[in-house]
Amino acid sequence: MGTMIKVGMADMNLCLPPDAITTLGLGSCVGTVIYDPIKKISGMVHVMLPDSKAIKNNDNIAKFADTGITELVQRMVRIGATRTALVAKIAGGAQMFAFNTNSEMLQVGSRNVKAVKDMLSAMRIRLIAEDTGLNYGRTIEFYPETGDLLIKAVGKPQKTI
């Protein structure tokens, strides 16, 4: 068993077997795992907001779907991932508050999911599995050796996608 690499909020990291990679407490944020299934090189980014261009103070590239995913892919290719082999799995993007659901600000979960999917699509990275939406937080662990993404949520059975 390798090390469990932690990814914080608005953070990213790379992972190779036998290590695994995790991020805790995904509410409206989207945990995006990008993975080279042949070379087993993987990376995870904890996306907090959909679009860096909408925010003035956007120094943290990992915080946003557009810049975070682009940077993660570049880092993976730099260590040997095959750009055309990459696939993705995502989790999170919950609607954490039940009130004022038509408020744009509170729909950040679904907007994050859409932004991540749009970015993956624009980069021609196939999304092969997702566990998104609903109204609860998730913790995820990705195991590059098997390609399994384990999803844990309080009061819910664990699932693997």
Protein backbone atom coordinates (compact mmCIF):
# COMPACT_ATOMS: atom_id res chain seq x y z
CA MET A 1 0.00 0.00 0.00
CA GLY A 2 1.40 3.36 -0.96
CA THR A 3 0.87 6.82 0.46
CA MET A 4 -2.46 8.67 0.40
CA ILE A 5 -1.72 12.01 -1.29
CA LYS A 6 -4.00 14.80 -0.08
CA VAL A 7 -5.46 17.50 -2.29
CA GLY A 8 -6.81 20.53 -0.41
CA MET A 9 -9.54 22.94 -1.48
CA ALA A 10 -8.57 24.79 -4.66
CA ASP A 11 -5.51 22.55 -4.88
CA MET A 12 -4.14 19.91 -7.26
CA ASN A 13 -1.64 17.09 -7.20
CA LEU A 14 -0.31 14.19 -9.25
CA CYS A 15 -0.33 10.52 -8.28
CA LEU A 16 1.36 7.31 -9.46
CA PRO A 17 0.82 3.77 -8.16
CA PRO A 18 1.14 2.39 -5.55
CA ASP A 19 -0.01 5.73 -4.09
CA ALA A 20 -3.60 6.93 -4.05
CA ILE A 21 -4.96 10.47 -4.01
CA THR A 22 -7.82 11.98 -2.03
CA THR A 23 -9.74 15.18 -1.44
CA LEU A 24 -12.10 15.74 1.49
CA GLY A 25 -15.38 17.53 1.84
CA LEU A 26 -16.49 18.21 -1.70
CA GLY A 27 -19.70 20.21 -1.37
CA SER A 28 -20.38 22.42 -4.37
CA CYS A 29 -16.75 21.88 -5.41
CA VAL A 30 -15.96 19.26 -8.05
CA GLY A 31 -13.18 16.75 -7.56
CA THR A 32 -11.82 16.09 -11.03
CA VAL A 33 -9.59 13.08 -11.62
CA ILE A 34 -7.72 12.84 -14.91
CA TYR A 35 -6.04 9.56 -15.64
CA ASP A 36 -3.84 7.80 -18.18
CA PRO A 37 -5.13 4.21 -17.93
CA ILE A 38 -2.11 2.79 -19.76
CA LYS A 39 0.71 4.51 -17.87
CA LYS A 40 -1.37 4.80 -14.66
CA ILE A 41 -0.42 8.46 -14.25
CA SER A 42 -3.21 10.37 -12.57
CA GLY A 43 -3.96 13.79 -11.20
CA MET A 44 -6.71 15.42 -9.18
CA VAL A 45 -7.90 19.00 -8.98
CA HIS A 46 -10.40 20.32 -6.39
CA VAL A 47 -12.36 22.88 -8.45
CA MET A 48 -14.17 25.55 -6.37
CA LEU A 49 -15.45 27.91 -9.06
CA PRO A 50 -16.37 27.58 -12.74
CA ASP A 51 -14.48 30.39 -14.42
CA SER A 52 -11.28 32.28 -13.61
CA LYS A 53 -12.23 35.08 -16.00
CA ALA A 54 -15.22 36.06 -13.83
CA ILE A 55 -13.02 36.77 -10.80
CA LYS A 56 -10.45 39.54 -10.42
CA ASN A 57 -8.30 37.84 -7.78
CA ASN A 58 -7.67 34.62 -9.69
CA ASP A 59 -4.04 33.83 -8.87
CA ASN A 60 -4.89 30.33 -7.67
CA ILE A 61 -5.19 28.36 -10.91
CA ALA A 62 -6.36 25.20 -9.11
CA LYS A 63 -9.48 27.00 -7.85
CA PHE A 64 -11.15 27.26 -11.28
CA ALA A 65 -12.39 24.67 -13.77
CA ASP A 66 -10.82 26.34 -16.79
CA THR A 67 -7.30 26.99 -15.47
CA GLY A 68 -7.14 24.04 -13.05
CA ILE A 69 -7.89 21.33 -15.60
CA THR A 70 -5.56 22.86 -18.19
CA GLU A 71 -2.69 23.06 -15.69
CA LEU A 72 -3.28 19.54 -14.36
CA VAL A 73 -3.13 18.05 -17.88
CA GLN A 74 0.10 19.97 -18.62
CA ARG A 75 1.71 18.67 -15.41
CA MET A 76 0.65 15.09 -16.21
CA VAL A 77 2.03 15.24 -19.74
CA ARG A 78 5.26 16.69 -18.34
CA ILE A 79 5.79 13.53 -16.25
CA GLY A 80 4.97 11.18 -19.11
CA ALA A 81 1.18 10.83 -19.47
CA THR A 82 -0.04 10.34 -23.04
CA ARG A 83 -2.25 13.33 -23.83
CA THR A 84 -4.59 11.40 -26.16
CA ALA A 85 -5.08 8.52 -23.67
CA LEU A 86 -6.45 10.69 -20.87
CA VAL A 87 -9.89 10.01 -19.39
CA ALA A 88 -11.69 11.66 -16.47
CA LYS A 89 -13.93 10.88 -13.51
CA ILE A 90 -15.65 13.57 -11.47
CA ALA A 91 -17.55 13.83 -8.20
CA GLY A 92 -19.13 16.62 -6.17
CA GLY A 93 -21.02 19.64 -7.40
CA ALA A 94 -23.71 19.29 -4.76
CA GLN A 95 -26.46 21.84 -4.16
CA MET A 96 -25.70 22.29 -0.47
CA PHE A 97 -28.47 24.77 0.39
CA ALA A 98 -32.15 24.19 -0.16
CA PHE A 99 -33.30 27.82 -0.11
CA ASN A 100 -33.33 30.34 -2.98
CA THR A 101 -32.38 27.68 -5.48
CA ASN A 102 -32.91 30.06 -8.37
CA SER A 103 -30.15 32.30 -7.04
CA GLU A 104 -27.17 32.14 -9.39
CA MET A 105 -24.71 32.23 -6.48
CA LEU A 106 -26.19 29.16 -4.81
CA GLN A 107 -26.15 27.14 -8.02
CA VAL A 108 -22.38 27.04 -7.92
CA GLY A 109 -22.42 23.22 -7.69
CA SER A 110 -24.23 22.64 -10.96
CA ARG A 111 -22.26 25.47 -12.60
CA ASN A 112 -19.00 23.84 -11.48
CA VAL A 113 -20.08 20.49 -12.92
CA LYS A 114 -21.03 22.11 -16.24
CA ALA A 115 -17.76 24.08 -16.39
CA VAL A 116 -15.68 20.96 -15.69
CA LYS A 117 -17.57 18.96 -18.35
CA ASP A 118 -17.24 21.79 -20.88
CA MET A 119 -13.50 22.04 -20.21
CA LEU A 120 -12.97 18.27 -20.52
CA SER A 121 -14.98 18.25 -23.73
CA ALA A 122 -13.00 21.19 -25.17
CA MET A 123 -9.78 19.32 -24.36
CA ARG A 124 -11.18 16.06 -25.82
CA ILE A 125 -10.82 14.19 -22.53
CA ARG A 126 -13.56 11.58 -22.23
CA LEU A 127 -15.60 11.67 -19.02
CA ILE A 128 -16.06 7.99 -18.14
CA ALA A 129 -17.80 8.23 -14.76
CA GLU A 130 -19.39 10.79 -12.46
CA ASP A 131 -21.16 11.09 -9.14
CA THR A 132 -22.41 14.66 -9.02
CA GLY A 133 -25.24 16.87 -7.80
CA LEU A 134 -27.76 16.02 -5.07
CA ASN A 135 -27.42 17.73 -1.70
CA TYR A 136 -24.62 16.07 0.25
CA GLY A 137 -20.87 16.40 0.52
CA ARG A 138 -18.44 13.75 -0.66
CA THR A 139 -14.91 12.62 0.06
CA ILE A 140 -13.17 10.85 -2.82
CA GLU A 141 -10.15 8.57 -3.14
CA PHE A 142 -8.63 7.60 -6.48
CA TYR A 143 -6.49 4.50 -6.98
CA PRO A 144 -4.46 4.75 -10.21
CA GLU A 145 -3.46 1.08 -10.07
CA THR A 146 -7.08 0.01 -10.67
CA GLY A 147 -8.65 3.25 -11.93
CA ASP A 148 -11.21 3.07 -9.12
CA LEU A 149 -12.70 6.26 -7.69
CA LEU A 150 -14.10 5.55 -4.22
CA ILE A 151 -16.84 7.92 -3.04
CA LYS A 152 -17.69 8.31 0.64
CA ALA A 153 -20.60 10.38 1.93
CA VAL A 154 -21.95 10.59 5.47
CA GLY A 155 -24.92 8.28 5.90
CA LYS A 156 -24.56 6.76 2.42
CA PRO A 157 -23.04 3.45 1.34
CA GLN A 158 -19.58 3.79 -0.19
CA LYS A 159 -19.51 3.48 -3.91
CA THR A 160 -16.87 3.01 -6.54
CA ILE A 161 -17.09 4.50 -10.01
